[in-house]
Amino acid sequence: MGDAKAKFDEKERKKLEIRKRLEAQMKSTKKKGFMTPERKKALKNLLRRKAAEEVKRQQEIRERERQKAISERTGKPKPTHDSNEAALIAICKEYHNRIYKLNEEKWDLELAVCLKEYEIQEIQSRVNDMRGKFIVPPLKKVSKYQTQLEKMRQWTYKLAKMDMRGGLKPVKKEYELDDSKLGKKDAKPEWAASAQKEAKA
């Protein structure tokens, strides 16, 4: 019994030894890549931080440009706290005139932009005509259900117009019922005639 246990322990020890050797061999043969998961995570965080800083910087630049444009267009504020009524009216009129001029400029710019866009479209169409290329207009989406209903409606309309009897073969009436052979139409059956006679009697 002790001998069997010793053999079993020896086998287990050899198995563990082989397993350790294989694991060590696999670790040594496995190439360690440059991008380990930790490095990937650090790189992602760094890229995110840089992108966030870039966005923030762009927003700050836009805000500065906006403030600069507003200050140029509006001008410096007029001192109104120690002015009398006539001076305030003059300031209001000045602001009103300035707003009116700015609106005029705005409308002029919008008109110029519309004209330029129209000219660009005209030139593009001329260029396409010269090249032989035509712009395909965007097609409207039509549902399949609607087209199927339309086809069914047309089919039923055609069916209603068709003459179904035209396709039938004409047949002569060879067999006509002759009243003289069958007797009078007014003649009553015997049982009805006998019932009338009994009623009269």
Protein backbone atom coordinates (compact mmCIF):
# COMPACT_ATOMS: atom_id res chain seq x y z
CA MET A 1 0.00 0.00 0.00
CA GLY A 2 2.81 2.40 0.80
CA ASP A 3 4.51 1.40 -2.44
CA ALA A 4 1.38 2.30 -4.50
CA LYS A 5 1.11 5.62 -2.74
CA ALA A 6 4.76 6.40 -3.43
CA LYS A 7 4.25 5.62 -7.13
CA PHE A 8 1.16 7.84 -7.23
CA ASP A 9 3.02 10.71 -5.52
CA GLU A 10 5.91 10.30 -7.95
CA LYS A 11 3.52 10.52 -10.94
CA GLU A 12 1.85 13.64 -9.55
CA ARG A 13 5.23 15.27 -8.91
CA LYS A 14 6.34 14.54 -12.49
CA LYS A 15 3.06 15.94 -13.88
CA LEU A 16 3.51 19.15 -11.90
CA GLU A 17 7.12 19.41 -13.03
CA ILE A 18 6.15 18.96 -16.71
CA ARG A 19 3.32 21.49 -16.36
CA LYS A 20 5.65 24.08 -14.81
CA ARG A 21 8.23 23.50 -17.54
CA LEU A 22 5.58 23.93 -20.28
CA GLU A 23 4.23 27.11 -18.68
CA ALA A 24 7.72 28.57 -18.41
CA GLN A 25 8.40 27.64 -22.02
CA MET A 26 5.13 29.26 -23.19
CA LYS A 27 5.93 32.43 -21.25
CA SER A 28 9.37 32.67 -22.77
CA THR A 29 8.14 31.98 -26.34
CA LYS A 30 5.20 34.36 -26.05
CA LYS A 31 6.21 37.74 -27.46
CA LYS A 32 5.44 40.65 -25.29
CA GLY A 33 3.81 43.25 -27.50
CA PHE A 34 4.55 46.93 -27.22
CA MET A 35 0.91 47.77 -26.55
CA THR A 36 0.00 46.11 -23.31
CA PRO A 37 -3.50 46.69 -21.92
CA GLU A 38 -2.14 49.18 -19.40
CA ARG A 39 -0.38 51.15 -22.12
CA LYS A 40 -3.50 51.09 -24.30
CA LYS A 41 -5.58 52.44 -21.44
CA ALA A 42 -3.03 55.17 -20.69
CA LEU A 43 -2.86 56.12 -24.38
CA LYS A 44 -6.68 56.32 -24.63
CA ASN A 45 -6.83 58.54 -21.57
CA LEU A 46 -4.08 60.77 -22.96
CA LEU A 47 -5.86 61.09 -26.32
CA ARG A 48 -9.15 61.88 -24.60
CA ARG A 49 -7.48 64.55 -22.47
CA LYS A 50 -5.81 66.12 -25.51
CA ALA A 51 -9.07 66.11 -27.49
CA ALA A 52 -10.95 67.70 -24.58
CA GLU A 53 -8.27 70.39 -24.23
CA GLU A 54 -8.40 71.09 -27.98
CA VAL A 55 -12.19 71.43 -27.92
CA LYS A 56 -11.99 73.71 -24.89
CA ARG A 57 -9.34 75.87 -26.57
CA GLN A 58 -11.42 76.14 -29.76
CA GLN A 59 -14.45 77.19 -27.71
CA GLU A 60 -12.40 79.85 -25.93
CA ILE A 61 -11.10 81.19 -29.27
CA ARG A 62 -14.64 81.33 -30.66
CA GLU A 63 -15.90 83.09 -27.53
CA ARG A 64 -13.12 85.68 -27.74
CA GLU A 65 -13.88 86.32 -31.42
CA ARG A 66 -17.57 86.61 -30.62
CA GLN A 67 -16.97 89.10 -27.81
CA LYS A 68 -14.64 91.10 -30.05
CA ALA A 69 -17.21 91.24 -32.87
CA ILE A 70 -19.97 92.25 -30.44
CA SER A 71 -17.85 95.01 -28.92
CA GLU A 72 -16.93 96.32 -32.40
CA ARG A 73 -20.54 96.35 -33.55
CA THR A 74 -22.15 97.75 -30.43
CA GLY A 75 -19.48 100.26 -29.51
CA LYS A 76 -18.76 101.57 -26.06
CA PRO A 77 -21.76 102.07 -23.78
CA LYS A 78 -22.88 105.66 -23.37
CA PRO A 79 -22.97 107.17 -19.90
CA THR A 80 -26.66 107.38 -19.03
CA HIS A 81 -26.70 107.60 -15.22
CA ASP A 82 -26.13 111.37 -15.01
CA SER A 83 -27.82 112.45 -18.29
CA ASN A 84 -30.98 114.49 -18.65
CA GLU A 85 -34.00 113.52 -20.75
CA ALA A 86 -32.86 115.28 -23.94
CA ALA A 87 -29.47 113.55 -23.82
CA LEU A 88 -31.16 110.16 -23.30
CA ILE A 89 -33.46 110.78 -26.28
CA ALA A 90 -30.43 111.68 -28.41
CA ILE A 91 -28.66 108.46 -27.33
CA CYS A 92 -31.77 106.38 -28.13
CA LYS A 93 -32.05 108.00 -31.58
CA GLU A 94 -28.38 107.31 -32.21
CA TYR A 95 -28.84 103.64 -31.27
CA HIS A 96 -31.97 103.43 -33.41
CA ASN A 97 -30.14 104.84 -36.44
CA ARG A 98 -27.27 102.43 -35.89
CA ILE A 99 -29.67 99.43 -35.67
CA TYR A 100 -31.41 100.62 -38.83
CA LYS A 101 -28.10 100.82 -40.73
CA LEU A 102 -27.03 97.38 -39.48
CA ASN A 103 -30.35 95.90 -40.64
CA GLU A 104 -29.84 97.50 -44.06
CA GLU A 105 -26.36 95.98 -44.27
CA LYS A 106 -27.73 92.61 -43.20
CA TRP A 107 -30.40 92.62 -45.92
CA ASP A 108 -27.86 93.73 -48.53
CA LEU A 109 -25.51 90.91 -47.52
CA GLU A 110 -28.31 88.33 -47.63
CA LEU A 111 -29.33 89.51 -51.10
CA ALA A 112 -25.72 89.35 -52.31
CA VAL A 113 -25.35 85.82 -50.89
CA CYS A 114 -28.57 84.68 -52.63
CA LEU A 115 -27.39 86.13 -55.94
CA LYS A 116 -23.98 84.46 -55.61
CA GLU A 117 -25.60 81.09 -54.79
CA TYR A 118 -27.85 81.43 -57.84
CA GLU A 119 -24.85 82.25 -60.04
CA ILE A 120 -22.95 79.26 -58.65
CA GLN A 121 -25.86 76.93 -59.45
CA GLU A 122 -26.14 78.34 -62.97
CA ILE A 123 -22.42 77.89 -63.60
CA GLN A 124 -22.54 74.34 -62.23
CA SER A 125 -25.44 73.45 -64.52
CA ARG A 126 -23.58 74.92 -67.52
CA VAL A 127 -20.44 72.95 -66.65
CA ASN A 128 -22.48 69.76 -66.29
CA ASP A 129 -24.17 70.43 -69.65
CA MET A 130 -20.77 70.88 -71.30
CA ARG A 131 -19.44 67.68 -69.79
CA GLY A 132 -22.60 65.79 -70.61
CA LYS A 133 -23.26 64.96 -67.01
CA PHE A 134 -26.67 65.71 -65.62
CA ILE A 135 -27.55 65.90 -61.98
CA VAL A 136 -30.11 63.27 -61.11
CA PRO A 137 -32.85 64.87 -59.03
CA PRO A 138 -33.56 63.20 -55.72
CA LEU A 139 -36.38 60.69 -56.11
CA LYS A 140 -39.28 60.55 -53.72
CA LYS A 141 -39.69 57.40 -51.72
CA VAL A 142 -42.90 55.59 -52.55
CA SER A 143 -44.07 52.84 -50.27
CA LYS A 144 -44.45 49.38 -51.76
CA TYR A 145 -47.88 49.05 -50.18
CA GLN A 146 -49.17 52.09 -52.06
CA THR A 147 -47.86 50.82 -55.41
CA GLN A 148 -49.40 47.41 -54.81
CA LEU A 149 -52.76 49.00 -54.05
CA GLU A 150 -52.50 51.07 -57.23
CA LYS A 151 -51.74 47.95 -59.32
CA MET A 152 -54.68 46.09 -57.77
CA ARG A 153 -57.00 49.01 -58.49
CA GLN A 154 -55.90 49.12 -62.14
CA TRP A 155 -56.32 45.35 -62.46
CA THR A 156 -59.88 45.41 -61.06
CA TYR A 157 -60.71 48.31 -63.40
CA LYS A 158 -59.50 46.26 -66.38
CA LEU A 159 -61.50 43.26 -65.19
CA ALA A 160 -64.65 45.36 -64.94
CA LYS A 161 -64.17 46.61 -68.51
CA MET A 162 -63.56 43.14 -69.94
CA ASP A 163 -66.47 41.35 -71.70
CA MET A 164 -66.44 37.84 -70.30
CA ARG A 165 -69.12 36.59 -72.72
CA GLY A 166 -67.01 37.50 -75.74
CA GLY A 167 -64.71 34.56 -75.10
CA LEU A 168 -67.52 32.01 -74.95
CA LYS A 169 -68.36 29.80 -77.92
CA PRO A 170 -71.83 30.44 -79.45
CA VAL A 171 -74.20 27.44 -79.25
CA LYS A 172 -77.44 26.89 -81.22
CA LYS A 173 -80.64 26.10 -79.40
CA GLU A 174 -81.47 22.74 -80.94
CA TYR A 175 -83.68 21.55 -78.18
CA GLU A 176 -86.71 23.69 -77.54
CA LEU A 177 -89.60 22.61 -75.40
CA ASP A 178 -92.77 22.23 -77.35
CA ASP A 179 -95.94 23.14 -75.41
CA SER A 180 -98.13 20.98 -77.60
CA LYS A 181 -96.20 17.87 -76.71
CA LEU A 182 -96.29 18.56 -73.00
CA GLY A 183 -99.85 19.78 -72.94
CA LYS A 184 -101.33 23.08 -71.93
CA LYS A 185 -99.61 25.19 -69.43
CA ASP A 186 -102.95 25.93 -67.78
CA ALA A 187 -103.73 22.28 -67.31
CA LYS A 188 -103.70 21.28 -63.69
CA PRO A 189 -102.43 18.00 -62.42
CA GLU A 190 -104.93 15.24 -61.79
CA TRP A 191 -104.83 15.44 -58.06
CA ALA A 192 -105.56 19.16 -58.14
CA ALA A 193 -108.39 18.67 -60.64
CA SER A 194 -109.99 15.92 -58.54
CA ALA A 195 -109.76 18.10 -55.43
CA GLN A 196 -111.61 20.94 -57.24
CA LYS A 197 -114.38 18.58 -58.39
CA GLU A 198 -114.94 17.32 -54.85
CA ALA A 199 -115.07 20.86 -53.54
CA LYS A 200 -117.75 21.82 -56.10
CA ALA A 201 -119.82 18.76 -55.32
